[in-house]
C-alpha cells in the first residue's frame, strides 16, 4: 500500500542512466533557480519604505537613490558569481569558494549560513506568498500557518518527483509573474507620462527631510538589499544544468540579473510615484496594483501571480539546499545519506529535510514574514561576504589574465556585502541575534560529525595493523519464552551451525513456572542445555544481560565467540505489532552495544 501511494505521489523510479534527461535547459533553470531572487521584489522595496517611514512619508523619495545603490550591489554580485561559475563549475558556490581559498572554518561558516538560509528561503517565500493571498482575501488571515504548511508539503512532493518535472510545472507561474509585473510597471509608466498620477502623492526628489542621517540611509539600504537573496543559487546548482553547464549557468545568471534589476527598480519607482506607504493589511505591490488598475481582474491577476511566485520562490531552496548538502556530505560534515539519489534521481533526503525544517520554522514564527526576513537576509550576506573575499584571495594568489579587473569586482562586492551584514547586526540586532547562537552551534555539530567520520575511517582501515582475533569455537545463546514454532525453528537453525555449545535461556518470574518449564524442556530437548534465570523483580532484560556477560568473559578466555540467536515472530499485518510486547526488539537493541557479541534474528512469519 505504501509503495503504491509513493508511486502515485512521486512517480515511477528512474534508472541511473536517465540522469542526463533530468538536466535543466536555460529556460527552466531561470524559472526555478531565479524564482527566489525575482520574488524578492515583492518585499524588498517594502523593506526600504518601512525604514524610511520612521522619519515620515516625506522621506520616501530617498528610496530612489537607495534603490540605485541596491542595483549597484546587484551588478557587483552578478559579475562576481559569474566568475565563480567558471572558476568552480562543479558547483558549491560560497561554501566551496570559502573553503578552498579561506580555509575550513570560513567554509563552514558559509556552508552553515547557506543551509540555514535555504530553510529560511522556503519559510520566508511561502509565508510571503500566504500574506499575498490573505491581502486579497482578508478572511483567510486566521489560517496563515495551515495554508503555508500545506504549500510546503506540496512543494516537497513536487520536488521529490524530480528536477525536470518540477521545473516544467513551476516555469509557467514564474514567467506569468514577470509578465504581470511588466504590465503593472508599464501601466505605471503610462500614468506618469500622461500625468494621471497626482504630483501631491509624493515628495519631489531632493526635498530636504529632517531626521535623515547616514545611519538611517544605510539601514534602509541594508533592508532593501534583502531583495538580492537568492542571487547565489545558480552558482550552487551548476551540476543541474545541461552541457556546457558553466556557459548555460552564466547566461541564466545574466538573464536573472537583468530581470531582477528591471522589476526591482520598477516597483521602487511605482511605489514612490503612487505615494505608497507600507500597511499591515496589504503589501506594497498590492497597493500599487490597486492604484493602477483598481480592484478588477488585473489586480487579482497580479496578486495571484505574486502569491504564486512568492510561494514557488521556495523552489530555489529545494534546488540549492540538496546540492549544498551533497558538497558538505562529501567533505564528511553532514551525514552521508545526503549524497544518495532517490527514485527520481534527485537528492531526496535533502529535499525531505528541507521541507521538515521549513515547516517547523513557519510554525515557530507563526508565519510572520516580517520576523523572518532579517534572519533570512543576514544569513545570505555572510556567505556573500566570504565568497567575495575568497575570490579576492584566489586572484591575488593565482594572478590569471585580467586578474586586476576581477579583483576589483570582488573587492567592491565584498566591501558592500560586509557593510550590509554589519548594518543588519547594528540596526536589527533584536531580530538577528539568533544567528550568533545557532550558527556556532551548527558549526560545532558539523565539526562533531566530521570528527566521527574521521574516527570511523581510522578504526576501519586495515592500515591500523590491528590483529584479527582467532576464533576456535562458537557458543550459541538462545533466549526462549516458551516452547513454540518460532523457538523450534530457531533451535533448528542453531543446530545447523555446528556450534561448540548451545545454551537455551529461560527467565521465569515464579518458581513453580521455572520447575514446569524445566520438566517440559528436558522431555523435548534433552540434548540442549537449559539455563533458567529466576527474576523476582519481573525483569527479563537485566538477568539475561548479566548471564551473557558472564558467558562472554569465559568464552573469550578460550577464544570462543558468543552468538545470541533471537527468535521473533513477524505478524502478517504491520499494525499487529502494536498488540504484542517487543521483548526481542529490546534484547537486540541492548546487544548491539554488547562488545564482541554477535546477534542473529530468526524470523517466523505468521500466516494469518
Protein backbone atom coordinates (compact mmCIF):
# COMPACT_ATOMS: atom_id res chain seq x y z
CA UNK A 1 0.00 0.00 0.00
CA UNK A 2 2.77 2.44 0.96
CA UNK A 3 4.73 1.65 -2.21
CA UNK A 4 1.62 2.23 -4.33
CA UNK A 5 0.99 5.58 -2.62
CA UNK A 6 4.63 6.52 -3.14
CA UNK A 7 4.34 5.69 -6.84
CA UNK A 8 1.26 7.91 -7.16
CA UNK A 9 2.82 10.87 -5.29
CA UNK A 10 6.37 10.70 -6.61
CA UNK A 11 6.20 8.66 -9.82
CA UNK A 12 7.98 5.60 -11.15
CA UNK A 13 11.65 5.11 -10.25
CA UNK A 14 14.16 6.31 -12.86
CA UNK A 15 17.26 4.42 -13.97
CA UNK A 16 20.64 5.97 -13.24
CA UNK A 17 21.21 6.15 -17.00
CA UNK A 18 18.31 8.63 -17.22
CA UNK A 19 20.20 11.24 -15.16
CA UNK A 20 21.11 13.24 -18.26
CA UNK A 21 17.43 13.70 -19.04
CA UNK A 22 16.97 15.39 -15.66
CA UNK A 23 19.31 18.27 -16.51
CA UNK A 24 17.83 21.74 -16.98
CA UNK A 25 17.86 23.98 -20.02
CA UNK A 26 18.25 27.73 -19.54
CA UNK A 27 14.52 28.49 -19.71
CA UNK A 28 13.56 26.05 -16.97
CA UNK A 29 16.65 26.83 -14.89
CA UNK A 30 15.81 30.54 -14.94
CA UNK A 31 12.35 29.73 -13.63
CA UNK A 32 13.29 27.52 -10.68
CA UNK A 33 16.69 28.98 -9.74
CA UNK A 34 15.74 32.64 -10.12
CA UNK A 35 12.31 32.49 -8.55
CA UNK A 36 13.70 33.38 -5.11
CA UNK A 37 15.57 36.44 -6.35
CA UNK A 38 12.74 37.59 -8.64
CA UNK A 39 10.11 37.12 -5.94
CA UNK A 40 12.05 39.30 -3.51
CA UNK A 41 10.98 42.40 -5.45
CA UNK A 42 7.59 41.82 -3.82
CA UNK A 43 9.02 42.63 -0.37
CA UNK A 44 12.48 44.20 -0.92
CA UNK A 45 11.19 47.70 -1.82
CA UNK A 46 8.72 47.47 1.06
CA UNK A 47 11.60 46.92 3.48
CA UNK A 48 13.17 50.20 2.33
CA UNK A 49 9.92 52.09 2.90
CA UNK A 50 9.45 50.56 6.34
CA UNK A 51 12.76 52.09 7.47
CA UNK A 52 12.13 55.48 5.82
CA UNK A 53 8.65 55.60 7.32
CA UNK A 54 10.19 56.09 10.77
CA UNK A 55 11.07 59.62 9.63
CA UNK A 56 7.90 60.26 7.64
CA UNK A 57 6.42 59.85 4.18
CA UNK A 58 8.35 62.92 3.05
CA UNK A 59 11.49 60.74 3.18
CA UNK A 60 10.12 58.25 0.66
CA UNK A 61 11.97 59.93 -2.20
CA UNK A 62 15.18 58.54 -0.71
CA UNK A 63 14.00 55.13 -1.90
CA UNK A 64 15.15 56.16 -5.40
CA UNK A 65 18.89 56.66 -4.60
CA UNK A 66 18.77 53.71 -2.19
CA UNK A 67 17.31 51.56 -4.97
CA UNK A 68 20.17 52.66 -7.26
CA UNK A 69 22.62 51.56 -4.56
CA UNK A 70 20.95 48.14 -4.39
CA UNK A 71 21.25 47.85 -8.18
CA UNK A 72 24.99 48.63 -7.96
CA UNK A 73 25.39 45.85 -5.39
CA UNK A 74 23.37 43.52 -7.63
CA UNK A 75 25.71 44.28 -10.53
CA UNK A 76 28.77 43.52 -8.41
CA UNK A 77 27.26 40.25 -7.20
CA UNK A 78 26.20 39.12 -10.67
CA UNK A 79 29.67 39.80 -12.09
CA UNK A 80 31.29 38.09 -9.13
CA UNK A 81 29.13 34.97 -9.24
CA UNK A 82 29.70 34.77 -12.97
CA UNK A 83 33.41 34.44 -12.16
CA UNK A 84 32.62 31.81 -9.50
CA UNK A 85 30.63 29.76 -12.03
CA UNK A 86 33.63 29.48 -14.37
CA UNK A 87 36.17 29.04 -11.58
CA UNK A 88 34.14 26.33 -9.76
CA UNK A 89 31.98 24.56 -12.38
CA UNK A 90 31.38 21.65 -10.00
CA UNK A 91 29.02 23.89 -8.00
CA UNK A 92 29.04 24.55 -4.30
CA UNK A 93 29.07 28.33 -4.53
CA UNK A 94 30.11 30.25 -1.43
CA UNK A 95 30.91 27.10 0.59
CA UNK A 96 33.42 25.70 -1.91
CA UNK A 97 34.94 29.13 -2.67
CA UNK A 98 35.40 29.97 1.02
CA UNK A 99 36.72 26.53 1.96
CA UNK A 100 39.31 26.39 -0.83
CA UNK A 101 40.55 29.97 -0.51
CA UNK A 102 39.98 30.99 3.10
CA UNK A 103 40.16 27.66 4.93
CA UNK A 104 37.95 25.08 6.61
CA UNK A 105 36.33 27.32 9.20
CA UNK A 106 35.32 30.19 6.86
CA UNK A 107 33.99 27.49 4.54
CA UNK A 108 31.93 26.01 7.35
CA UNK A 109 30.58 29.44 8.28
CA UNK A 110 29.50 29.97 4.67
CA UNK A 111 28.11 26.43 4.37
CA UNK A 112 26.21 26.56 7.67
CA UNK A 113 24.85 30.02 6.84
CA UNK A 114 23.58 28.80 3.48
CA UNK A 115 22.00 25.70 4.99
CA UNK A 116 20.02 27.93 7.34
CA UNK A 117 19.39 30.45 4.58
CA UNK A 118 17.78 27.89 2.27
CA UNK A 119 15.50 26.76 5.08
CA UNK A 120 14.60 30.42 5.59
CA UNK A 121 14.14 30.77 1.82
CA UNK A 122 11.33 28.26 1.93
CA UNK A 123 9.81 29.65 5.13
CA UNK A 124 10.00 33.32 4.02
CA UNK A 125 8.80 32.67 0.48
CA UNK A 126 5.83 30.57 1.49
CA UNK A 127 4.94 32.97 4.33
CA UNK A 128 5.15 35.95 1.97
CA UNK A 129 3.03 34.15 -0.61
CA UNK A 130 0.47 33.38 2.04
CA UNK A 131 0.50 37.06 3.02
CA UNK A 132 -0.28 37.99 -0.58
CA UNK A 133 -3.25 35.60 -0.57
CA UNK A 134 -4.59 36.93 2.73
CA UNK A 135 -4.16 40.53 1.47
CA UNK A 136 -6.59 39.74 -1.34
CA UNK A 137 -8.85 37.62 0.90
CA UNK A 138 -8.66 39.04 4.46
CA UNK A 139 -10.98 36.34 5.83
CA UNK A 140 -8.10 33.86 5.47
CA UNK A 141 -5.79 35.73 7.89
CA UNK A 142 -6.61 33.30 10.70
CA UNK A 143 -5.42 30.34 8.61
CA UNK A 144 -2.00 31.68 7.63
CA UNK A 145 0.05 28.88 9.23
CA UNK A 146 -2.03 25.92 7.95
CA UNK A 147 -2.06 27.38 4.42
CA UNK A 148 1.72 27.86 4.49
CA UNK A 149 2.32 24.31 5.78
CA UNK A 150 0.16 22.82 3.03
CA UNK A 151 2.16 24.74 0.40
CA UNK A 152 5.46 23.44 1.81
CA UNK A 153 4.18 19.86 1.69
CA UNK A 154 3.04 20.28 -1.92
CA UNK A 155 6.40 21.79 -2.94
CA UNK A 156 8.27 18.97 -1.21
CA UNK A 157 6.25 16.32 -3.07
CA UNK A 158 6.70 18.17 -6.35
CA UNK A 159 10.48 18.30 -5.94
CA UNK A 160 10.63 14.63 -4.97
CA UNK A 161 9.24 13.92 -8.44
CA UNK A 162 12.45 15.24 -9.98
CA UNK A 163 14.14 18.45 -11.11
CA UNK A 164 12.81 18.42 -14.66
CA UNK A 165 9.22 17.69 -13.71
CA UNK A 166 9.14 20.36 -11.00
CA UNK A 167 10.72 22.87 -13.41
CA UNK A 168 8.10 22.10 -16.06
CA UNK A 169 5.32 22.87 -13.60
CA UNK A 170 6.92 25.92 -11.97
CA UNK A 171 8.13 27.70 -15.10
CA UNK A 172 4.67 28.97 -16.06
CA UNK A 173 3.84 30.81 -12.79
CA UNK A 174 7.30 32.41 -12.73
CA UNK A 175 7.02 33.80 -16.23
CA UNK A 176 3.40 34.84 -15.62
CA UNK A 177 4.63 36.82 -12.61
CA UNK A 178 7.32 38.52 -14.68
CA UNK A 179 4.74 39.35 -17.36
CA UNK A 180 2.24 40.65 -14.78
CA UNK A 181 4.84 42.95 -13.19
CA UNK A 182 5.92 44.22 -16.61
CA UNK A 183 2.27 45.08 -17.29
CA UNK A 184 2.00 46.77 -13.88
CA UNK A 185 5.19 48.78 -14.37
CA UNK A 186 4.13 49.63 -17.92
CA UNK A 187 0.78 50.93 -16.66
CA UNK A 188 2.59 52.99 -14.04
CA UNK A 189 4.95 54.48 -16.60
CA UNK A 190 1.96 55.29 -18.83
CA UNK A 191 0.23 57.05 -15.93
CA UNK A 192 3.41 59.01 -15.27
CA UNK A 193 3.75 60.03 -18.91
CA UNK A 194 0.11 61.14 -19.18
CA UNK A 195 0.07 62.95 -15.87
CA UNK A 196 -2.58 60.62 -14.43
CA UNK A 197 -0.67 60.39 -11.14
CA UNK A 198 -1.25 63.49 -8.96
CA UNK A 199 2.08 65.11 -8.04
CA UNK A 200 0.93 65.72 -4.47
CA UNK A 201 1.05 61.95 -3.81
CA UNK A 202 4.81 62.10 -3.41
CA UNK A 203 7.51 64.46 -2.21
CA UNK A 204 9.77 65.74 -5.02
CA UNK A 205 13.21 64.16 -5.25
CA UNK A 206 15.79 66.28 -3.42
CA UNK A 207 13.39 67.73 -0.85
CA UNK A 208 15.25 68.24 2.48
CA UNK A 209 13.86 66.00 5.22
CA UNK A 210 14.60 66.49 8.91
CA UNK A 211 15.87 63.46 10.77
CA UNK A 212 17.56 61.78 7.81
CA UNK A 213 21.11 60.68 8.52
CA UNK A 214 23.72 58.34 7.09
CA UNK A 215 22.93 55.62 9.62
CA UNK A 216 19.24 55.60 8.66
CA UNK A 217 20.07 55.52 4.95
CA UNK A 218 22.47 52.61 5.46
CA UNK A 219 19.79 50.82 7.47
CA UNK A 220 17.29 51.31 4.62
CA UNK A 221 19.92 50.16 2.10
CA UNK A 222 20.61 47.01 4.11
CA UNK A 223 16.88 46.28 4.40
CA UNK A 224 16.36 46.80 0.66
CA UNK A 225 19.27 44.50 -0.08
CA UNK A 226 17.07 41.63 1.10
CA UNK A 227 15.83 41.73 -2.49
CA UNK A 228 19.16 40.19 -3.53
CA UNK A 229 18.70 36.97 -1.63
CA UNK A 230 18.81 34.03 -4.00
CA UNK A 231 21.40 35.53 -6.35
CA UNK A 232 23.90 32.83 -5.33
CA UNK A 233 21.57 29.88 -6.06
CA UNK A 234 22.69 29.40 -9.67
CA UNK A 235 26.36 29.04 -8.71
CA UNK A 236 25.38 26.33 -6.21
CA UNK A 237 23.39 24.31 -8.73
CA UNK A 238 25.68 24.27 -11.78
CA UNK A 239 25.60 20.42 -11.99
CA UNK A 240 21.84 20.65 -12.66
CA UNK A 241 22.43 22.43 -15.99
CA UNK A 242 22.73 20.80 -19.38
CA UNK A 243 26.16 20.83 -21.03
CA UNK A 244 28.04 23.09 -21.33
CA UNK A 245 26.92 23.68 -17.75
CA UNK A 246 29.11 26.73 -16.89
CA UNK A 247 28.10 28.58 -20.06
CA UNK A 248 24.40 27.88 -19.56
CA UNK A 249 24.61 28.78 -15.87
CA UNK A 250 26.41 32.05 -16.66
CA UNK A 251 23.80 33.09 -19.23
CA UNK A 252 20.98 32.19 -16.86
CA UNK A 253 22.63 34.30 -14.14
CA UNK A 254 22.87 37.28 -16.51
CA UNK A 255 19.20 36.93 -17.50
CA UNK A 256 18.21 36.76 -13.85
CA UNK A 257 20.24 39.88 -13.06
CA UNK A 258 18.60 41.88 -15.85
CA UNK A 259 15.08 40.80 -14.89
CA UNK A 260 15.70 41.46 -11.20
CA UNK A 261 17.13 44.92 -11.91
CA UNK A 262 14.18 45.93 -14.09
CA UNK A 263 11.50 44.60 -11.75
CA UNK A 264 13.10 45.96 -8.56
CA UNK A 265 13.69 49.44 -9.95
CA UNK A 266 10.19 49.45 -11.45
CA UNK A 267 8.49 48.60 -8.15
CA UNK A 268 10.60 51.16 -6.24
CA UNK A 269 9.67 53.85 -8.80
CA UNK A 270 5.98 52.94 -8.82
CA UNK A 271 5.80 52.91 -5.01
CA UNK A 272 7.34 56.41 -4.97
CA UNK A 273 5.11 57.80 -7.73
CA UNK A 274 1.87 56.47 -6.25
CA UNK A 275 2.91 57.56 -2.74
CA UNK A 276 2.56 54.06 -1.33
CA UNK A 277 3.11 53.60 2.42
CA UNK A 278 3.52 50.12 3.95
CA UNK A 279 0.49 48.90 5.88
CA UNK A 280 -0.21 45.60 7.65
CA UNK A 281 -3.38 44.83 5.68
CA UNK A 282 -1.87 44.95 2.17
CA UNK A 283 1.56 44.57 0.60
CA UNK A 284 3.19 47.38 -1.39
CA UNK A 285 2.68 45.50 -4.67
CA UNK A 286 -0.99 45.02 -3.78
CA UNK A 287 -1.42 48.77 -3.19
CA UNK A 288 0.38 49.68 -6.44
CA UNK A 289 -1.84 47.27 -8.40
CA UNK A 290 -4.98 48.67 -6.78
CA UNK A 291 -3.97 52.28 -7.53
CA UNK A 292 -3.02 51.40 -11.12
CA UNK A 293 -5.99 49.17 -12.04
CA UNK A 294 -8.50 49.26 -9.20
CA UNK A 295 -9.89 46.05 -7.73
CA UNK A 296 -10.61 44.42 -11.08
CA UNK A 297 -9.34 41.40 -13.00
CA UNK A 298 -5.80 42.81 -13.43
CA UNK A 299 -5.49 43.47 -9.70
CA UNK A 300 -6.39 39.90 -8.82
CA UNK A 301 -4.20 38.57 -11.64
CA UNK A 302 -1.20 40.46 -10.24
CA UNK A 303 -1.98 39.37 -6.69
CA UNK A 304 -2.43 35.79 -7.84
CA UNK A 305 0.85 35.63 -9.75
CA UNK A 306 2.63 37.44 -6.90
CA UNK A 307 1.34 34.91 -4.42
CA UNK A 308 2.40 32.08 -6.72
CA UNK A 309 5.92 33.41 -7.29
CA UNK A 310 6.41 34.07 -3.59
CA UNK A 311 5.37 30.54 -2.77
CA UNK A 312 7.25 28.96 -5.67
CA UNK A 313 10.36 31.01 -4.83
CA UNK A 314 10.82 28.38 -2.17
CA UNK A 315 11.78 26.07 -5.01
CA UNK A 316 15.13 27.85 -5.23
CA UNK A 317 15.83 26.43 -1.78
CA UNK A 318 14.73 22.98 -2.93
CA UNK A 319 17.16 23.21 -5.86
CA UNK A 320 20.15 24.61 -3.98
CA UNK A 321 19.87 23.03 -0.50
CA UNK A 322 20.34 19.41 -1.68
CA UNK A 323 23.35 20.37 -3.82
CA UNK A 324 25.00 22.20 -0.92
CA UNK A 325 24.21 19.23 1.34
CA UNK A 326 25.94 16.92 -1.16
CA UNK A 327 29.13 19.02 -1.03
CA UNK A 328 29.07 19.12 2.77
CA UNK A 329 28.38 15.37 2.96
CA UNK A 330 31.26 14.60 0.58
CA UNK A 331 33.52 16.54 2.94
CA UNK A 332 32.02 14.50 5.83
CA UNK A 333 30.45 17.42 7.67
CA UNK A 334 26.87 16.13 7.47
CA UNK A 335 25.50 12.56 7.20
CA UNK A 336 26.47 10.64 4.07
CA UNK A 337 22.81 9.87 3.37
CA UNK A 338 22.53 13.31 1.76
CA UNK A 339 24.68 12.09 -1.17
CA UNK A 340 22.19 9.35 -2.07
CA UNK A 341 19.84 9.89 -5.01
CA UNK A 342 16.19 8.91 -4.64
CA UNK A 343 13.87 7.07 -7.01
CA UNK A 344 13.58 10.13 -9.26
CA UNK A 345 17.36 10.79 -9.25
CA UNK A 346 17.05 13.82 -7.01
CA UNK A 347 18.75 14.10 -3.63
CA UNK A 348 15.52 13.21 -1.84
CA UNK A 349 16.95 13.15 1.70
CA UNK A 350 17.96 16.80 1.37
CA UNK A 351 14.56 17.70 -0.08
CA UNK A 352 12.67 16.00 2.76
CA UNK A 353 14.90 17.51 5.45
CA UNK A 354 14.42 20.99 3.97
CA UNK A 355 10.64 20.57 3.98
CA UNK A 356 10.55 19.39 7.61
CA UNK A 357 12.80 22.21 8.88
CA UNK A 358 10.82 24.83 6.95
CA UNK A 359 7.51 23.66 8.41
CA UNK A 360 8.98 23.81 11.92
CA UNK A 361 10.19 27.35 11.29
CA UNK A 362 6.83 28.51 9.92
CA UNK A 363 5.01 27.07 12.91
CA UNK A 364 7.56 28.53 15.33
CA UNK A 365 7.26 32.05 13.90
CA UNK A 366 3.53 31.81 13.26
CA UNK A 367 4.05 32.53 9.56
CA UNK A 368 5.03 36.18 10.19
CA UNK A 369 7.24 37.12 7.23
CA UNK A 370 8.49 40.37 8.71
CA UNK A 371 10.09 38.43 11.58
CA UNK A 372 11.88 36.07 9.21
CA UNK A 373 13.24 38.46 6.58
CA UNK A 374 16.10 39.96 8.69
CA UNK A 375 17.32 36.45 9.63
CA UNK A 376 16.94 35.43 6.01
CA UNK A 377 18.92 38.37 4.68
CA UNK A 378 21.79 38.25 7.18
CA UNK A 379 22.09 34.51 6.52
CA UNK A 380 22.81 35.13 2.86
CA UNK A 381 25.03 38.22 3.19
CA UNK A 382 27.53 36.37 5.39
CA UNK A 383 28.22 33.88 2.53
CA UNK A 384 28.18 36.80 0.06
CA UNK A 385 30.99 38.47 2.01
CA UNK A 386 33.01 35.27 2.43
CA UNK A 387 32.69 34.20 -1.20
CA UNK A 388 33.78 37.62 -2.47
CA UNK A 389 36.72 37.61 -0.06
CA UNK A 390 37.63 34.08 -1.15
CA UNK A 391 37.67 35.11 -4.80
CA UNK A 392 39.85 38.11 -3.93
CA UNK A 393 42.42 35.78 -2.38
CA UNK A 394 42.18 33.42 -5.35
CA UNK A 395 43.03 36.20 -7.83
CA UNK A 396 45.86 37.53 -5.65
CA UNK A 397 47.32 34.02 -5.39
CA UNK A 398 46.90 32.85 -8.99
CA UNK A 399 47.02 36.19 -10.90
CA UNK A 400 45.45 34.93 -14.16
CA UNK A 401 44.96 37.12 -17.23
CA UNK A 402 42.78 40.13 -16.38
CA UNK A 403 43.01 39.41 -12.67
CA UNK A 404 43.09 43.12 -11.78
CA UNK A 405 39.55 43.74 -13.04
CA UNK A 406 38.32 40.54 -11.42
CA UNK A 407 39.91 41.54 -8.13
CA UNK A 408 38.29 44.99 -8.30
CA UNK A 409 34.84 43.47 -8.88
CA UNK A 410 35.17 41.08 -5.95
CA UNK A 411 36.62 43.79 -3.71
CA UNK A 412 33.63 46.05 -4.31
CA UNK A 413 31.24 43.14 -3.77
CA UNK A 414 32.98 42.07 -0.56
CA UNK A 415 33.07 45.61 0.84
CA UNK A 416 29.39 46.32 0.18
CA UNK A 417 28.31 42.88 1.41
CA UNK A 418 30.28 43.38 4.61
CA UNK A 419 28.69 46.80 5.19
CA UNK A 420 25.21 45.33 4.64
CA UNK A 421 25.96 42.46 7.06
CA UNK A 422 27.18 44.86 9.73
CA UNK A 423 24.16 47.13 9.25
CA UNK A 424 21.84 44.19 9.84
CA UNK A 425 23.59 43.42 13.11
CA UNK A 426 23.68 47.06 14.18
CA UNK A 427 20.13 48.04 13.23
CA UNK A 428 18.19 44.80 13.61
CA UNK A 429 20.06 43.10 16.43
CA UNK A 430 16.90 42.11 18.38
CA UNK A 431 15.77 40.19 15.27
CA UNK A 432 19.07 38.75 14.03
CA UNK A 433 20.84 37.87 17.31
CA UNK A 434 19.78 34.20 16.97
CA UNK A 435 22.35 33.95 14.16
CA UNK A 436 25.11 34.46 16.74
CA UNK A 437 23.75 31.49 18.69
CA UNK A 438 22.60 28.84 16.24
CA UNK A 439 25.40 29.41 13.70
CA UNK A 440 28.21 28.49 16.16
CA UNK A 441 26.07 25.60 17.46
CA UNK A 442 25.52 24.32 13.92
CA UNK A 443 29.23 24.59 13.09
CA UNK A 444 30.04 22.71 16.32
CA UNK A 445 27.66 19.95 15.22
CA UNK A 446 29.21 19.81 11.74
CA UNK A 447 32.70 19.53 13.24
CA UNK A 448 31.48 16.78 15.58
CA UNK A 449 30.12 14.81 12.61
CA UNK A 450 33.41 15.29 10.79
CA UNK A 451 35.39 14.01 13.79
CA UNK A 452 33.14 10.97 13.98
CA UNK A 453 33.68 10.08 10.32
CA UNK A 454 37.42 10.56 10.80
CA UNK A 455 37.44 8.24 13.81
CA UNK A 456 35.39 5.61 11.97
CA UNK A 457 37.68 5.67 8.95
CA UNK A 458 40.74 5.42 11.17
CA UNK A 459 39.38 2.40 13.01
CA UNK A 460 38.04 0.55 9.97
CA UNK A 461 41.12 0.97 7.82
CA UNK A 462 43.38 -2.08 7.51
CA UNK A 463 46.40 0.19 7.81
CA UNK A 464 45.87 0.33 11.60
CA UNK A 465 47.69 -3.02 11.90
CA UNK A 466 45.19 -4.28 14.48
CA UNK A 467 45.42 -8.11 14.65
CA UNK A 468 42.32 -10.19 13.84
CA UNK A 469 41.35 -12.39 16.77
CA UNK A 470 41.44 -16.14 16.11
CA UNK A 471 38.10 -17.88 16.86
CA UNK A 472 38.33 -21.56 17.79
CA UNK A 473 34.66 -22.22 18.56
CA UNK A 474 31.19 -20.75 18.90
CA UNK A 475 28.80 -20.62 21.86
CA UNK A 476 25.15 -20.05 20.94
CA UNK A 477 22.76 -18.49 23.45
CA UNK A 478 19.06 -18.90 22.63
CA UNK A 479 16.63 -16.85 24.77
CA UNK A 480 13.26 -18.65 24.90
CA UNK A 481 9.88 -17.53 26.23
CA UNK A 482 8.15 -20.87 25.77
CA UNK A 483 8.12 -23.92 23.51
CA UNK A 484 6.59 -22.70 20.25
CA UNK A 485 7.12 -22.99 16.49
CA UNK A 486 9.34 -19.91 16.49
CA UNK A 487 11.56 -21.40 19.22
CA UNK A 488 11.70 -24.77 17.43
CA UNK A 489 12.72 -23.07 14.17
CA UNK A 490 15.40 -21.03 15.95
CA UNK A 491 16.73 -24.15 17.66
CA UNK A 492 16.85 -25.98 14.35
CA UNK A 493 18.86 -23.10 12.89
CA UNK A 494 21.22 -23.13 15.89
CA UNK A 495 21.90 -26.85 15.44
CA UNK A 496 22.71 -26.29 11.75
CA UNK A 497 25.62 -24.02 12.72
CA UNK A 498 27.56 -26.89 14.30
CA UNK A 499 28.31 -24.79 17.34
CA UNK A 500 30.55 -25.96 20.17
CA UNK A 501 27.70 -25.44 22.62
CA UNK A 502 24.05 -24.35 22.55
CA UNK A 503 22.54 -22.81 25.69
CA UNK A 504 18.82 -22.12 25.92
CA UNK A 505 17.98 -19.39 28.45
CA UNK A 506 14.59 -19.03 30.13
CA UNK A 507 13.69 -16.19 32.55
CA UNK A 508 10.75 -17.17 34.81
CA UNK A 509 9.09 -14.87 37.35
CA UNK A 510 7.76 -17.67 39.63
CA UNK A 511 9.49 -20.80 40.99
CA UNK A 512 6.56 -23.04 40.00
CA UNK A 513 6.77 -21.74 36.45
CA UNK A 514 10.51 -22.44 36.42
CA UNK A 515 10.07 -26.09 37.50
CA UNK A 516 7.27 -26.74 34.99
CA UNK A 517 9.30 -25.34 32.10
CA UNK A 518 12.43 -27.34 33.06
CA UNK A 519 10.41 -30.55 33.08
CA UNK A 520 8.84 -29.83 29.69
CA UNK A 521 12.16 -28.80 28.09
CA UNK A 522 14.03 -31.88 29.33
CA UNK A 523 11.45 -34.14 27.67
CA UNK A 524 11.50 -32.37 24.29
CA UNK A 525 15.18 -31.32 24.01
CA UNK A 526 17.31 -33.36 26.42
CA UNK A 527 20.40 -32.71 24.27
CA UNK A 528 20.23 -28.91 24.66
CA UNK A 529 21.38 -27.31 27.91
CA UNK A 530 18.75 -25.13 29.58
CA UNK A 531 19.64 -22.30 31.98
CA UNK A 532 16.84 -20.70 33.97
CA UNK A 533 17.32 -17.25 35.50
CA UNK A 534 14.69 -16.63 38.16
CA UNK A 535 13.70 -12.94 38.15
CA UNK A 536 11.85 -11.89 41.32
CA UNK A 537 11.68 -8.27 40.04
CA UNK A 538 9.97 -9.38 36.77
CA UNK A 539 12.75 -8.12 34.51
CA UNK A 540 13.82 -10.18 31.52
CA UNK A 541 16.49 -7.89 30.12
CA UNK A 542 18.69 -7.40 33.20
CA UNK A 543 19.28 -11.06 34.20
CA UNK A 544 19.73 -12.05 30.56
CA UNK A 545 22.36 -9.34 30.02
CA UNK A 546 24.27 -10.38 33.15
CA UNK A 547 24.27 -14.02 32.03
CA UNK A 548 25.53 -13.10 28.54
CA UNK A 549 28.31 -11.01 30.12
CA UNK A 550 29.47 -13.97 32.22
CA UNK A 551 29.41 -16.39 29.28
CA UNK A 552 31.19 -13.86 27.05
CA UNK A 553 34.06 -13.35 29.53
CA UNK A 554 34.62 -17.10 29.90
CA UNK A 555 34.33 -17.68 26.15
CA UNK A 556 36.98 -15.06 25.37
CA UNK A 557 39.44 -16.82 27.66
CA UNK A 558 39.18 -19.86 25.38
CA UNK A 559 38.99 -17.88 22.10
CA UNK A 560 35.31 -18.72 21.63
CA UNK A 561 32.75 -16.41 20.01
CA UNK A 562 29.36 -15.82 21.65
CA UNK A 563 26.36 -15.58 19.33
CA UNK A 564 22.89 -14.73 20.62
CA UNK A 565 20.06 -16.12 18.48
CA UNK A 566 16.81 -14.22 18.97
CA UNK A 567 13.57 -15.94 17.92
CA UNK A 568 10.98 -13.49 16.62
CA UNK A 569 7.57 -14.00 15.04
CA UNK A 570 6.51 -11.50 12.37
CA UNK A 571 2.75 -10.65 12.22
CA UNK A 572 1.09 -10.72 8.82
CA UNK A 573 -0.03 -7.09 9.16
CA UNK A 574 2.21 -4.33 10.40
CA UNK A 575 -0.29 -2.86 12.86
CA UNK A 576 -0.44 -6.22 14.66
CA UNK A 577 2.97 -5.41 16.13
CA UNK A 578 1.29 -2.95 18.50
CA UNK A 579 -0.63 -5.87 20.03
CA UNK A 580 2.49 -7.70 21.21
CA UNK A 581 5.31 -6.79 23.56
CA UNK A 582 8.62 -6.06 21.85
CA UNK A 583 10.97 -8.01 24.11
CA UNK A 584 13.02 -9.34 21.21
CA UNK A 585 13.49 -5.81 19.91
CA UNK A 586 14.71 -4.56 23.31
CA UNK A 587 17.11 -7.51 23.67
CA UNK A 588 18.53 -6.91 20.21
CA UNK A 589 18.94 -3.18 20.86
CA UNK A 590 20.84 -3.79 24.10
CA UNK A 591 23.08 -6.41 22.50
CA UNK A 592 24.07 -4.14 19.63
CA UNK A 593 26.17 -2.29 22.20
CA UNK A 594 27.45 -5.50 23.82
CA UNK A 595 31.09 -5.71 22.85
CA UNK A 596 32.07 -8.71 20.68
CA UNK A 597 28.68 -10.42 20.88
CA UNK A 598 27.09 -11.40 17.57
CA UNK A 599 23.30 -11.06 17.30
CA UNK A 600 21.23 -13.15 14.88
CA UNK A 601 17.46 -12.85 14.47
CA UNK A 602 15.48 -15.86 13.25
CA UNK A 603 12.11 -14.64 11.89
CA UNK A 604 8.98 -16.78 11.90
CA UNK A 605 6.26 -15.32 9.66
CA UNK A 606 2.66 -15.75 10.77
CA UNK A 607 0.22 -16.61 8.00
CA UNK A 608 -2.94 -15.07 9.42
